Amino acid sequence: MTTVWVVLGVAGAVVASTVGWVAWRDRERTASAEDRAAGRAALVQQQRYERDRHASQSDVIRRGDDRS
């Protein structure tokens, strides 16, 4: 029975230390205005790329329908 308590104690300590480390690490990260602006710019660029890709794929599909 002692082995079970030791294993549970070690597992609890590992979980607690992991949660503590992640909380400490995330507190170090602060979002600045530059980070938010860069995120928005990346999102706009991604959406533009997806829109252009969708349009080009649509043209290919339409051209392929002429065979029917």
Protein backbone atom coordinates (compact mmCIF):
# COMPACT_ATOMS: atom_id res chain seq x y z
CA MET A 1 0.00 0.00 0.00
CA THR A 2 2.91 2.30 0.69
CA THR A 3 4.09 1.93 -2.90
CA VAL A 4 0.72 3.12 -4.18
CA TRP A 5 0.87 6.25 -2.00
CA VAL A 6 4.43 6.98 -3.09
CA VAL A 7 3.52 6.62 -6.77
CA LEU A 8 0.44 8.82 -6.34
CA GLY A 9 2.50 11.41 -4.46
CA VAL A 10 5.16 11.52 -7.16
CA ALA A 11 2.50 11.76 -9.89
CA GLY A 12 0.78 14.59 -7.98
CA ALA A 13 4.07 16.42 -7.55
CA VAL A 14 4.84 16.11 -11.27
CA VAL A 15 1.38 17.39 -12.23
CA ALA A 16 1.56 20.28 -9.75
CA SER A 17 5.04 21.31 -10.87
CA THR A 18 4.00 21.13 -14.54
CA VAL A 19 0.95 23.31 -13.93
CA GLY A 20 3.06 25.77 -11.95
CA TRP A 21 5.74 25.96 -14.63
CA VAL A 22 3.19 26.54 -17.40
CA ALA A 23 1.48 29.27 -15.37
CA TRP A 24 4.84 30.94 -14.72
CA ARG A 25 5.88 30.66 -18.36
CA ASP A 26 2.61 32.13 -19.65
CA ARG A 27 2.88 35.06 -17.25
CA GLU A 28 6.17 35.95 -18.92
CA ARG A 29 4.39 36.37 -22.24
CA THR A 30 2.67 39.70 -22.62
CA ALA A 31 0.90 40.75 -25.77
CA SER A 32 2.14 44.07 -27.04
CA ALA A 33 0.47 46.26 -29.62
CA GLU A 34 3.06 45.13 -32.18
CA ASP A 35 2.16 41.48 -31.60
CA ARG A 36 -1.53 42.16 -32.14
CA ALA A 37 -0.84 44.18 -35.30
CA ALA A 38 1.41 41.43 -36.66
CA GLY A 39 -1.26 38.85 -35.91
CA ARG A 40 -3.90 40.87 -37.74
CA ALA A 41 -1.58 41.36 -40.73
CA ALA A 42 -0.86 37.64 -40.87
CA LEU A 43 -4.56 36.84 -40.73
CA VAL A 44 -5.33 39.27 -43.55
CA GLN A 45 -2.53 37.76 -45.66
CA GLN A 46 -3.79 34.22 -44.97
CA GLN A 47 -7.35 35.12 -45.90
CA ARG A 48 -6.17 36.83 -49.12
CA TYR A 49 -4.17 33.73 -50.05
CA GLU A 50 -7.15 31.45 -49.36
CA ARG A 51 -9.47 33.70 -51.39
CA ASP A 52 -7.10 33.70 -54.37
CA ARG A 53 -6.59 29.96 -54.12
CA HIS A 54 -10.32 29.34 -53.97
CA ALA A 55 -10.87 31.53 -57.03
CA SER A 56 -8.18 29.75 -59.05
CA GLN A 57 -9.57 26.33 -58.12
CA SER A 58 -13.04 27.48 -59.08
CA ASP A 59 -11.79 28.43 -62.56
CA VAL A 60 -10.25 24.98 -63.04
CA ILE A 61 -13.47 23.24 -62.00
CA ARG A 62 -15.58 25.39 -64.33
CA ARG A 63 -13.27 24.64 -67.25
CA GLY A 64 -13.54 20.95 -66.49
CA ASP A 65 -17.38 21.04 -66.64
CA ASP A 66 -17.35 21.76 -70.39
CA ARG A 67 -16.68 18.09 -71.13
CA SER A 68 -20.15 17.02 -69.95
